[in-house]
Structures are given as C-alpha cells and as structure tokens.
C-alpha cells in the first residue's frame, strides 16, 4: 500500500475497516479500470514476458557442478579473510 496506517481505518467509532478489505477493494477497482480501459491485454502480455525473462535468467544463471553457492569468494588462497 502507498499509505501504511498505524491504526486501522475507522469510519465510525464502531466500524473499523481492516487493511485486507482496503487492499481487496483497491484490487477490484484496479481490475475494473484495466477492463474498462481495454488495457488488460497489455498487462497480460507484460506479465507473461516478465515471467519468461525471469525463468530464462534462472536457467542461464544456475551454476553447474558447483556445490558451494559462494564459489571461490570465501577461498583463503584467493586473498580472502
């Protein structure tokens, strides 16, 4: 959320709105705005392209045969502490 409240939002002393309700309402409004503006296809394409790029990065950056995740970064012979 852009604004983080320290206390729950109260519309009336007896009616308190939870943060989850606020996030839900804002999510529904956002989805309706995307559908009405016909921008949902742009959003869907950008999510798919981003997911493909993240997966491709994960595949290409995976170390092969390296059991130590730090590699030689902590090796004493290479000038480490």
PDB file of N, CA and C in Angstrom:
ATOM      1  N   UNK A   1       0.839  -1.177   0.000  1.00  0.00           N
ATOM      2  CA  UNK A   1       0.000   0.000   0.000  1.00  0.00           C
ATOM      3  C   UNK A   1       0.885   1.241   0.000  1.00  0.00           C
ATOM      4  N   UNK A   2       0.405   2.265  -0.630  1.00  0.00           N
ATOM      5  CA  UNK A   2       1.158   3.503  -0.684  1.00  0.00           C
ATOM      6  C   UNK A   2       1.173   4.186   0.679  1.00  0.00           C
ATOM      7  N   UNK A   3       0.098   4.047   1.415  1.00  0.00           N
ATOM      8  CA  UNK A   3      -0.001   4.659   2.735  1.00  0.00           C
ATOM      9  C   UNK A   3      -0.177   3.540   3.753  1.00  0.00           C
ATOM     10  N   UNK A   4       0.728   3.464   4.690  1.00  0.00           N
ATOM     11  CA  UNK A   4       0.627   2.455   5.736  1.00  0.00           C
ATOM     12  C   UNK A   4       0.112   3.140   6.990  1.00  0.00           C
ATOM     13  N   UNK A   5      -1.039   2.683   7.441  1.00  0.00           N
ATOM     14  CA  UNK A   5      -1.654   3.280   8.617  1.00  0.00           C
ATOM     15  C   UNK A   5      -1.176   2.559   9.868  1.00  0.00           C
ATOM     16  N   UNK A   6      -0.927   3.311  10.913  1.00  0.00           N
ATOM     17  CA  UNK A   6      -0.524   2.698  12.177  1.00  0.00           C
ATOM     18  C   UNK A   6      -1.717   2.081  12.895  1.00  0.00           C
ATOM     19  N   UNK A   7      -2.862   2.673  12.687  1.00  0.00           N
ATOM     20  CA  UNK A   7      -4.085   2.191  13.317  1.00  0.00           C
ATOM     21  C   UNK A   7      -5.077   1.840  12.211  1.00  0.00           C
ATOM     22  N   UNK A   8      -5.978   0.904  12.467  1.00  0.00           N
ATOM     23  CA  UNK A   8      -6.984   0.565  11.448  1.00  0.00           C
ATOM     24  C   UNK A   8      -7.842   1.783  11.101  1.00  0.00           C
ATOM     25  N   UNK A   9      -8.295   1.824   9.872  1.00  0.00           N
ATOM     26  CA  UNK A   9      -9.148   2.911   9.405  1.00  0.00           C
ATOM     27  C   UNK A   9     -10.523   2.775  10.046  1.00  0.00           C
ATOM     28  N   UNK A  10     -10.961   3.825  10.729  1.00  0.00           N
ATOM     29  CA  UNK A  10     -12.289   3.771  11.348  1.00  0.00           C
ATOM     30  C   UNK A  10     -13.166   4.843  10.720  1.00  0.00           C
ATOM     31  N   UNK A  11     -14.275   4.388  10.150  1.00  0.00           N
ATOM     32  CA  UNK A  11     -15.225   5.311   9.538  1.00  0.00           C
ATOM     33  C   UNK A  11     -16.216   5.832  10.553  1.00  0.00           C
ATOM     34  N   UNK A  12     -16.396   5.097  11.595  1.00  0.00           N
ATOM     35  CA  UNK A  12     -17.297   5.433  12.681  1.00  0.00           C
ATOM     36  C   UNK A  12     -16.685   4.786  13.913  1.00  0.00           C
ATOM     37  N   UNK A  13     -16.902   5.313  15.080  1.00  0.00           N
ATOM     38  CA  UNK A  13     -16.268   4.686  16.250  1.00  0.00           C
ATOM     39  C   UNK A  13     -16.556   3.191  16.391  1.00  0.00           C
ATOM     40  N   UNK A  14     -17.648   2.713  15.824  1.00  0.00           N
ATOM     41  CA  UNK A  14     -17.984   1.294  15.946  1.00  0.00           C
ATOM     42  C   UNK A  14     -17.675   0.507  14.676  1.00  0.00           C
ATOM     43  N   UNK A  15     -17.244   1.170  13.599  1.00  0.00           N
ATOM     44  CA  UNK A  15     -16.998   0.497  12.324  1.00  0.00           C
ATOM     45  C   UNK A  15     -15.542   0.691  11.925  1.00  0.00           C
ATOM     46  N   UNK A  16     -14.763  -0.388  12.012  1.00  0.00           N
ATOM     47  CA  UNK A  16     -13.333  -0.346  11.703  1.00  0.00           C
ATOM     48  C   UNK A  16     -13.089  -1.168  10.445  1.00  0.00           C
ATOM     49  N   UNK A  17     -12.323  -0.595   9.500  1.00  0.00           N
ATOM     50  CA  UNK A  17     -12.019  -1.268   8.241  1.00  0.00           C
ATOM     51  C   UNK A  17     -10.619  -1.860   8.327  1.00  0.00           C
ATOM     52  N   UNK A  18     -10.520  -3.161   8.061  1.00  0.00           N
ATOM     53  CA  UNK A  18      -9.250  -3.871   8.101  1.00  0.00           C
ATOM     54  C   UNK A  18      -8.428  -3.552   6.845  1.00  0.00           C
ATOM     55  N   UNK A  19      -7.102  -3.683   6.943  1.00  0.00           N
ATOM     56  CA  UNK A  19      -6.225  -3.420   5.802  1.00  0.00           C
ATOM     57  C   UNK A  19      -6.504  -4.373   4.643  1.00  0.00           C
ATOM     58  N   UNK A  20      -6.867  -5.613   4.948  1.00  0.00           N
ATOM     59  CA  UNK A  20      -7.161  -6.582   3.886  1.00  0.00           C
ATOM     60  C   UNK A  20      -8.375  -6.162   3.072  1.00  0.00           C
ATOM     61  N   UNK A  21      -9.346  -5.551   3.714  1.00  0.00           N
ATOM     62  CA  UNK A  21     -10.529  -5.072   2.995  1.00  0.00           C
ATOM     63  C   UNK A  21     -10.139  -3.930   2.062  1.00  0.00           C
ATOM     64  N   UNK A  22      -9.291  -3.043   2.531  1.00  0.00           N
ATOM     65  CA  UNK A  22      -8.836  -1.918   1.711  1.00  0.00           C
ATOM     66  C   UNK A  22      -8.069  -2.428   0.497  1.00  0.00           C
ATOM     67  N   UNK A  23      -7.164  -3.379   0.704  1.00  0.00           N
ATOM     68  CA  UNK A  23      -6.394  -3.941  -0.410  1.00  0.00           C
ATOM     69  C   UNK A  23      -7.320  -4.651  -1.391  1.00  0.00           C
ATOM     70  N   UNK A  24      -8.307  -5.369  -0.889  1.00  0.00           N
ATOM     71  CA  UNK A  24      -9.261  -6.052  -1.759  1.00  0.00           C
ATOM     72  C   UNK A  24     -10.066  -5.088  -2.609  1.00  0.00           C
ATOM     73  N   UNK A  25     -10.563  -4.029  -1.988  1.00  0.00           N
ATOM     74  CA  UNK A  25     -11.353  -3.033  -2.727  1.00  0.00           C
ATOM     75  C   UNK A  25     -10.495  -2.340  -3.778  1.00  0.00           C
ATOM     76  N   UNK A  26      -9.276  -1.973  -3.419  1.00  0.00           N
ATOM     77  CA  UNK A  26      -8.389  -1.325  -4.388  1.00  0.00           C
ATOM     78  C   UNK A  26      -8.012  -2.277  -5.522  1.00  0.00           C
ATOM     79  N   UNK A  27      -7.865  -3.558  -5.232  1.00  0.00           N
ATOM     80  CA  UNK A  27      -7.563  -4.545  -6.276  1.00  0.00           C
ATOM     81  C   UNK A  27      -8.724  -4.677  -7.252  1.00  0.00           C
ATOM     82  N   UNK A  28      -9.941  -4.730  -6.724  1.00  0.00           N
ATOM     83  CA  UNK A  28     -11.120  -4.827  -7.593  1.00  0.00           C
ATOM     84  C   UNK A  28     -11.248  -3.577  -8.454  1.00  0.00           C
ATOM     85  N   UNK A  29     -11.025  -2.420  -7.885  1.00  0.00           N
ATOM     86  CA  UNK A  29     -11.090  -1.168  -8.655  1.00  0.00           C
ATOM     87  C   UNK A  29     -10.036  -1.164  -9.751  1.00  0.00           C
ATOM     88  N   UNK A  30      -8.837  -1.660  -9.447  1.00  0.00           N
ATOM     89  CA  UNK A  30      -7.769  -1.713 -10.443  1.00  0.00           C
ATOM     90  C   UNK A  30      -8.133  -2.655 -11.585  1.00  0.00           C
ATOM     91  N   UNK A  31      -8.673  -3.817 -11.262  1.00  0.00           N
ATOM     92  CA  UNK A  31      -9.065  -4.775 -12.301  1.00  0.00           C
ATOM     93  C   UNK A  31     -10.168  -4.200 -13.177  1.00  0.00           C
ATOM     94  N   UNK A  32     -11.142  -3.547 -12.567  1.00  0.00           N
ATOM     95  CA  UNK A  32     -12.223  -2.917 -13.337  1.00  0.00           C
ATOM     96  C   UNK A  32     -11.666  -1.824 -14.243  1.00  0.00           C
ATOM     97  N   UNK A  33     -10.714  -1.045 -13.746  1.00  0.00           N
ATOM     98  CA  UNK A  33     -10.121   0.015 -14.561  1.00  0.00           C
ATOM     99  C   UNK A  33      -9.380  -0.563 -15.764  1.00  0.00           C
ATOM    100  N   UNK A  34      -8.665  -1.677 -15.576  1.00  0.00           N
ATOM    101  CA  UNK A  34      -7.974  -2.314 -16.697  1.00  0.00           C
ATOM    102  C   UNK A  34      -8.963  -2.837 -17.734  1.00  0.00           C
ATOM    103  N   UNK A  35     -10.068  -3.406 -17.288  1.00  0.00           N
ATOM    104  CA  UNK A  35     -11.058  -3.947 -18.222  1.00  0.00           C
ATOM    105  C   UNK A  35     -11.757  -2.816 -18.973  1.00  0.00           C
ATOM    106  N   UNK A  36     -12.142  -1.773 -18.274  1.00  0.00           N
ATOM    107  CA  UNK A  36     -12.847  -0.658 -18.907  1.00  0.00           C
ATOM    108  C   UNK A  36     -11.943   0.080 -19.892  1.00  0.00           C
ATOM    109  N   UNK A  37     -10.668   0.218 -19.564  1.00  0.00           N
ATOM    110  CA  UNK A  37      -9.736   0.942 -20.428  1.00  0.00           C
ATOM    111  C   UNK A  37      -9.174   0.061 -21.544  1.00  0.00           C
ATOM    112  N   UNK A  38      -9.584  -1.206 -21.587  1.00  0.00           N
ATOM    113  CA  UNK A  38      -9.093  -2.166 -22.579  1.00  0.00           C
ATOM    114  C   UNK A  38      -7.572  -2.290 -22.528  1.00  0.00           C
ATOM    115  N   UNK A  39      -7.019  -2.201 -21.342  1.00  0.00           N
ATOM    116  CA  UNK A  39      -5.569  -2.324 -21.164  1.00  0.00           C
ATOM    117  C   UNK A  39      -5.188  -3.672 -20.580  1.00  0.00           C
ATOM    118  N   UNK A  40      -6.149  -4.576 -20.419  1.00  0.00           N
ATOM    119  CA  UNK A  40      -5.860  -5.855 -19.785  1.00  0.00           C
ATOM    120  C   UNK A  40      -4.929  -6.701 -20.632  1.00  0.00           C
ATOM    121  N   UNK A  41      -5.000  -6.569 -21.965  1.00  0.00           N
ATOM    122  CA  UNK A  41      -4.118  -7.357 -22.829  1.00  0.00           C
ATOM    123  C   UNK A  41      -2.670  -6.904 -22.666  1.00  0.00           C
ATOM    124  N   UNK A  42      -2.450  -5.601 -22.543  1.00  0.00           N
ATOM    125  CA  UNK A  42      -1.090  -5.104 -22.305  1.00  0.00           C
ATOM    126  C   UNK A  42      -0.547  -5.622 -20.979  1.00  0.00           C
ATOM    127  N   UNK A  43      -1.386  -5.638 -19.971  1.00  0.00           N
ATOM    128  CA  UNK A  43      -0.973  -6.144 -18.663  1.00  0.00           C
ATOM    129  C   UNK A  43      -0.648  -7.631 -18.735  1.00  0.00           C
ATOM    130  N   UNK A  44      -1.496  -8.399 -19.396  1.00  0.00           N
ATOM    131  CA  UNK A  44      -1.272  -9.837 -19.518  1.00  0.00           C
ATOM    132  C   UNK A  44       0.013 -10.138 -20.285  1.00  0.00           C
ATOM    133  N   UNK A  45       0.242  -9.447 -21.378  1.00  0.00           N
ATOM    134  CA  UNK A  45       1.460  -9.662 -22.169  1.00  0.00           C
ATOM    135  C   UNK A  45       2.693  -9.285 -21.363  1.00  0.00           C
ATOM    136  N   UNK A  46       2.644  -8.197 -20.629  1.00  0.00           N
ATOM    137  CA  UNK A  46       3.811  -7.789 -19.840  1.00  0.00           C
ATOM    138  C   UNK A  46       4.099  -8.781 -18.716  1.00  0.00           C
ATOM    139  N   UNK A  47       3.067  -9.352 -18.103  1.00  0.00           N
ATOM    140  CA  UNK A  47       3.277 -10.355 -17.055  1.00  0.00           C
ATOM    141  C   UNK A  47       3.890 -11.621 -17.646  1.00  0.00           C
ATOM    142  N   UNK A  48       3.401 -12.056 -18.810  1.00  0.00           N
ATOM    143  CA  UNK A  48       3.941 -13.263 -19.442  1.00  0.00           C
ATOM    144  C   UNK A  48       5.389 -13.053 -19.863  1.00  0.00           C
ATOM    145  N   UNK A  49       5.688 -11.916 -20.482  1.00  0.00           N
ATOM    146  CA  UNK A  49       7.065 -11.632 -20.901  1.00  0.00           C
ATOM    147  C   UNK A  49       7.983 -11.557 -19.688  1.00  0.00           C
ATOM    148  N   UNK A  50       7.536 -10.936 -18.621  1.00  0.00           N
ATOM    149  CA  UNK A  50       8.353 -10.846 -17.402  1.00  0.00           C
ATOM    150  C   UNK A  50       8.612 -12.224 -16.814  1.00  0.00           C
ATOM    151  N   UNK A  51       7.599 -13.070 -16.780  1.00  0.00           N
ATOM    152  CA  UNK A  51       7.777 -14.425 -16.246  1.00  0.00           C
ATOM    153  C   UNK A  51       8.758 -15.227 -17.092  1.00  0.00           C
ATOM    154  N   UNK A  52       8.674 -15.092 -18.406  1.00  0.00           N
ATOM    155  CA  UNK A  52       9.613 -15.795 -19.287  1.00  0.00           C
ATOM    156  C   UNK A  52      11.030 -15.301 -19.059  1.00  0.00           C
ATOM    157  N   UNK A  53      11.215 -14.002 -18.926  1.00  0.00           N
ATOM    158  CA  UNK A  53      12.556 -13.460 -18.701  1.00  0.00           C
ATOM    159  C   UNK A  53      13.129 -13.890 -17.360  1.00  0.00           C
ATOM    160  N   UNK A  54      12.309 -13.925 -16.333  1.00  0.00           N
ATOM    161  CA  UNK A  54      12.780 -14.363 -15.014  1.00  0.00           C
ATOM    162  C   UNK A  54      13.178 -15.832 -15.054  1.00  0.00           C
ATOM    163  N   UNK A  55      12.371 -16.655 -15.696  1.00  0.00           N
ATOM    164  CA  UNK A  55      12.711 -18.085 -15.809  1.00  0.00           C
ATOM    165  C   UNK A  55      13.959 -18.290 -16.649  1.00  0.00           C
ATOM    166  N   UNK A  56      14.095 -17.562 -17.729  1.00  0.00           N
ATOM    167  CA  UNK A  56      15.284 -17.660 -18.573  1.00  0.00           C
ATOM    168  C   UNK A  56      16.529 -17.243 -17.805  1.00  0.00           C
ATOM    169  N   UNK A  57      16.422 -16.202 -17.026  1.00  0.00           N
ATOM    170  CA  UNK A  57      17.539 -15.754 -16.198  1.00  0.00           C
ATOM    171  C   UNK A  57      17.910 -16.830 -15.176  1.00  0.00           C
ATOM    172  N   UNK A  58      16.917 -17.448 -14.570  1.00  0.00           N
ATOM    173  CA  UNK A  58      17.182 -18.512 -13.604  1.00  0.00           C
ATOM    174  C   UNK A  58      17.869 -19.703 -14.234  1.00  0.00           C
ATOM    175  N   UNK A  59      17.486 -20.037 -15.451  1.00  0.00           N
ATOM    176  CA  UNK A  59      18.111 -21.172 -16.138  1.00  0.00           C
ATOM    177  C   UNK A  59      19.544 -20.840 -16.523  1.00  0.00           C
ATOM    178  N   UNK A  60      19.772 -19.655 -17.031  1.00  0.00           N
ATOM    179  CA  UNK A  60      21.109 -19.294 -17.500  1.00  0.00           C
ATOM    180  C   UNK A  60      22.077 -19.011 -16.364  1.00  0.00           C
ATOM    181  N   UNK A  61      21.598 -18.585 -15.223  1.00  0.00           N
ATOM    182  CA  UNK A  61      22.475 -18.239 -14.108  1.00  0.00           C
ATOM    183  C   UNK A  61      22.707 -19.393 -13.148  1.00  0.00           C
ATOM    184  N   UNK A  62      22.113 -20.547 -13.382  1.00  0.00           N
ATOM    185  CA  UNK A  62      22.272 -21.679 -12.476  1.00  0.00           C
ATOM    186  C   UNK A  62      23.688 -22.232 -12.598  1.00  0.00           C
ATOM    187  N   UNK A  63      24.427 -22.325 -11.489  1.00  0.00           N
ATOM    188  CA  UNK A  63      25.774 -22.886 -11.552  1.00  0.00           C
ATOM    189  C   UNK A  63      25.707 -24.394 -11.791  1.00  0.00           C
ATOM    190  N   UNK A  64      26.575 -24.876 -12.667  1.00  0.00           N
ATOM    191  CA  UNK A  64      26.599 -26.293 -12.999  1.00  0.00           C
ATOM    192  C   UNK A  64      27.756 -26.948 -12.264  1.00  0.00           C
ATOM    193  N   UNK A  65      27.478 -27.944 -11.438  1.00  0.00           N
ATOM    194  CA  UNK A  65      28.520 -28.687 -10.745  1.00  0.00           C
ATOM    195  C   UNK A  65      29.176 -27.927  -9.613  1.00  0.00           C
ATOM    196  N   UNK A  66      28.610 -26.843  -9.177  1.00  0.00           N
ATOM    197  CA  UNK A  66      29.193 -26.050  -8.100  1.00  0.00           C
ATOM    198  C   UNK A  66      28.376 -26.311  -6.838  1.00  0.00           C
ATOM    199  N   UNK A  67      28.951 -27.057  -5.893  1.00  0.00           N
ATOM    200  CA  UNK A  67      28.200 -27.395  -4.687  1.00  0.00           C
ATOM    201  C   UNK A  67      28.174 -26.252  -3.684  1.00  0.00           C
ATOM    202  N   UNK A  68      29.168 -25.372  -3.730  1.00  0.00           N
ATOM    203  CA  UNK A  68      29.223 -24.240  -2.815  1.00  0.00           C
ATOM    204  C   UNK A  68      28.565 -23.041  -3.485  1.00  0.00           C
ATOM    205  N   UNK A  69      27.498 -22.472  -2.911  1.00  0.00           N
ATOM    206  CA  UNK A  69      26.821 -21.357  -3.573  1.00  0.00           C
ATOM    207  C   UNK A  69      27.670 -20.098  -3.671  1.00  0.00           C
ATOM    208  N   UNK A  70      28.721 -19.995  -2.843  1.00  0.00           N
ATOM    209  CA  UNK A  70      29.569 -18.816  -2.884  1.00  0.00           C
ATOM    210  C   UNK A  70      30.760 -19.001  -3.813  1.00  0.00           C
ATOM    211  N   UNK A  71      30.911 -20.184  -4.367  1.00  0.00           N
ATOM    212  CA  UNK A  71      32.013 -20.429  -5.290  1.00  0.00           C
ATOM    213  C   UNK A  71      33.342 -20.236  -4.597  1.00  0.00           C
ATOM    214  N   UNK A  72      34.222 -19.486  -5.208  1.00  0.00           N
ATOM    215  CA  UNK A  72      35.530 -19.227  -4.632  1.00  0.00           C
ATOM    216  C   UNK A  72      35.611 -17.891  -3.924  1.00  0.00           C
ATOM    217  N   UNK A  73      34.487 -17.308  -3.596  1.00  0.00           N
ATOM    218  CA  UNK A  73      34.510 -15.979  -2.985  1.00  0.00           C
ATOM    219  C   UNK A  73      35.135 -15.985  -1.597  1.00  0.00           C
ATOM    220  N   UNK A  74      34.987 -17.080  -0.860  1.00  0.00           N
ATOM    221  CA  UNK A  74      35.495 -17.137   0.508  1.00  0.00           C
ATOM    222  C   UNK A  74      36.743 -18.007   0.616  1.00  0.00           C
ATOM    223  N   UNK A  75      37.408 -18.234  -0.486  1.00  0.00           N
ATOM    224  CA  UNK A  75      38.591 -19.086  -0.506  1.00  0.00           C
ATOM    225  C   UNK A  75      39.791 -18.325   0.051  1.00  0.00           C
ATOM    226  N   UNK A  76      40.539 -18.944   0.972  1.00  0.00           N
ATOM    227  CA  UNK A  76      41.674 -18.281   1.620  1.00  0.00           C
ATOM    228  C   UNK A  76      42.831 -18.076   0.657  1.00  0.00           C
ATOM    229  N   UNK A  77      43.029 -18.984  -0.306  1.00  0.00           N
ATOM    230  CA  UNK A  77      44.146 -18.841  -1.246  1.00  0.00           C
ATOM    231  C   UNK A  77      43.951 -17.683  -2.206  1.00  0.00           C
ATOM    232  N   UNK A  78      42.734 -17.258  -2.382  1.00  0.00           N
ATOM    233  CA  UNK A  78      42.491 -16.189  -3.342  1.00  0.00           C
ATOM    234  C   UNK A  78      42.512 -14.812  -2.690  1.00  0.00           C
ATOM    235  N   UNK A  79      43.032 -14.719  -1.477  1.00  0.00           N
ATOM    236  CA  UNK A  79      43.146 -13.420  -0.832  1.00  0.00           C
ATOM    237  C   UNK A  79      41.993 -13.095   0.079  1.00  0.00           C
ATOM    238  N   UNK A  80      41.170 -14.068   0.405  1.00  0.00           N
ATOM    239  CA  UNK A  80      40.058 -13.830   1.309  1.00  0.00           C
ATOM    240  C   UNK A  80      40.525 -13.729   2.745  1.00  0.00           C
ATOM    241  N   UNK A  81      39.659 -13.439   3.636  1.00  0.00           N
ATOM    242  CA  UNK A  81      39.999 -13.300   5.041  1.00  0.00           C
ATOM    243  C   UNK A  81      39.950 -14.649   5.657  1.00  0.00           C
TER     244      UNK A  81
END
